[in-house]
Amino acid sequence: MCNYQTLYHGAAGYVIRCPHCKGIQLAFGTTVVNLDTAEFSCFKKMVTRLADDHHDATLHEKSICLPLPADHVMMLVTPAEIGDLSHMAAEVQALLDTYEILEISPAE
């Protein structure tokens, strides 16, 4: 059974993970998705790239499609939301990188 730790919590959503199975749950807007560590890393890179591409957009319509690991499922967001999601994912990735460093035991 998973015992989740909060990696991010804000007005736009949250990210939690189980330190034992390494499962990550990301909630953003009305979407909740479960990812493994590799999927989250890939998702973070995609979100960062899309946020960089739309950083100066002023559109308020949901025009950016983010594919998710589930077949035929996408997240649809506005340019402002992709920026929020990118910021959220970057904070979480920094924590995951830190936890990975702390979990590595020194060579004997």
Protein backbone atom coordinates (compact mmCIF):
# COMPACT_ATOMS: atom_id res chain seq x y z
CA MET A 1 0.00 0.00 0.00
CA CYS A 2 1.32 3.39 -0.93
CA ASN A 3 2.11 6.09 1.62
CA TYR A 4 2.23 9.31 -0.41
CA GLN A 5 4.44 12.32 0.14
CA THR A 6 3.50 15.70 -1.29
CA LEU A 7 5.99 17.04 -3.82
CA TYR A 8 3.91 20.03 -4.90
CA HIS A 9 0.62 21.59 -3.83
CA GLY A 10 -0.77 24.82 -5.22
CA ALA A 11 -3.88 26.49 -6.60
CA ALA A 12 -3.47 24.74 -9.98
CA GLY A 13 -2.97 21.22 -8.64
CA TYR A 14 -0.72 18.84 -6.78
CA VAL A 15 1.91 16.16 -7.28
CA ILE A 16 2.37 13.29 -4.84
CA ARG A 17 4.55 10.19 -4.96
CA CYS A 18 5.02 6.95 -3.10
CA PRO A 19 8.66 6.72 -1.98
CA HIS A 20 8.47 2.92 -2.05
CA CYS A 21 6.98 2.14 -5.48
CA LYS A 22 8.05 5.53 -6.96
CA GLY A 23 4.57 6.04 -8.45
CA ILE A 24 3.70 9.69 -9.10
CA GLN A 25 0.22 11.19 -9.22
CA LEU A 26 -0.16 14.57 -10.90
CA ALA A 27 -3.40 16.54 -10.60
CA PHE A 28 -3.86 19.65 -12.73
CA GLY A 29 -7.16 21.36 -13.32
CA THR A 30 -9.72 18.57 -13.68
CA THR A 31 -7.18 15.92 -14.75
CA VAL A 32 -5.41 13.38 -12.56
CA VAL A 33 -2.76 11.13 -14.09
CA ASN A 34 -0.55 8.43 -12.61
CA LEU A 35 3.01 8.27 -13.94
CA ASP A 36 6.18 6.39 -13.18
CA THR A 37 9.43 8.31 -12.78
CA ALA A 38 10.49 7.93 -16.42
CA GLU A 39 7.05 9.00 -17.68
CA PHE A 40 7.11 12.06 -15.43
CA SER A 41 10.55 13.04 -16.71
CA CYS A 42 9.35 12.76 -20.31
CA PHE A 43 6.17 14.70 -19.44
CA LYS A 44 8.23 17.45 -17.79
CA LYS A 45 10.46 17.82 -20.87
CA MET A 46 7.44 18.02 -23.18
CA VAL A 47 5.67 20.57 -20.97
CA THR A 48 8.82 22.71 -20.71
CA ARG A 49 9.28 22.71 -24.48
CA LEU A 50 5.64 23.64 -25.09
CA ALA A 51 5.77 26.39 -22.45
CA ASP A 52 8.88 27.83 -24.11
CA ASP A 53 7.08 27.76 -27.49
CA HIS A 54 4.01 29.56 -26.06
CA HIS A 55 5.62 31.88 -23.50
CA ASP A 56 4.34 35.08 -25.11
CA ALA A 57 0.92 33.82 -26.20
CA THR A 58 -2.07 35.76 -24.88
CA LEU A 59 -4.75 33.32 -25.99
CA HIS A 60 -7.27 32.33 -23.37
CA GLU A 61 -8.56 29.30 -25.20
CA LYS A 62 -7.48 25.75 -24.63
CA SER A 63 -5.32 25.19 -27.69
CA ILE A 64 -2.39 23.04 -26.50
CA CYS A 65 -2.77 19.25 -26.48
CA LEU A 66 -0.57 17.22 -24.14
CA PRO A 67 -0.57 13.48 -24.83
CA LEU A 68 -0.71 11.33 -21.70
CA PRO A 69 0.57 7.77 -21.20
CA ALA A 70 -2.95 6.31 -21.46
CA ASP A 71 -4.08 5.43 -24.98
CA HIS A 72 -6.19 8.10 -26.68
CA VAL A 73 -6.07 10.48 -23.69
CA MET A 74 -4.81 14.07 -23.84
CA MET A 75 -4.80 17.09 -21.58
CA LEU A 76 -6.03 20.29 -23.23
CA VAL A 77 -4.62 23.52 -21.75
CA THR A 78 -4.29 27.25 -22.42
CA PRO A 79 -0.91 28.94 -22.92
CA ALA A 80 -1.14 30.31 -19.36
CA GLU A 81 -1.89 26.84 -18.00
CA ILE A 82 1.07 25.29 -19.83
CA GLY A 83 3.27 27.86 -18.09
CA ASP A 84 1.80 26.94 -14.70
CA LEU A 85 2.19 23.24 -15.45
CA SER A 86 5.79 23.76 -16.57
CA HIS A 87 6.62 25.61 -13.35
CA MET A 88 4.96 22.87 -11.30
CA ALA A 89 6.79 20.08 -13.17
CA ALA A 90 10.16 21.85 -12.83
CA GLU A 91 9.75 22.15 -9.04
CA VAL A 92 8.80 18.50 -8.77
CA GLN A 93 11.69 17.36 -11.00
CA ALA A 94 14.14 19.28 -8.78
CA LEU A 95 12.78 17.47 -5.73
CA LEU A 96 12.91 14.08 -7.47
CA ASP A 97 16.53 14.72 -8.48
CA THR A 98 17.35 15.66 -4.88
CA TYR A 99 15.66 12.55 -3.48
CA GLU A 100 17.54 10.39 -5.98
CA ILE A 101 20.87 11.86 -4.84
CA LEU A 102 19.95 11.31 -1.18
CA GLU A 103 18.89 7.71 -1.80
CA ILE A 104 22.18 6.73 -3.45
CA SER A 105 24.33 5.04 -0.86
CA PRO A 106 28.08 5.73 -0.87
CA ALA A 107 30.38 3.05 -2.31
CA GLU A 108 31.74 0.67 0.26
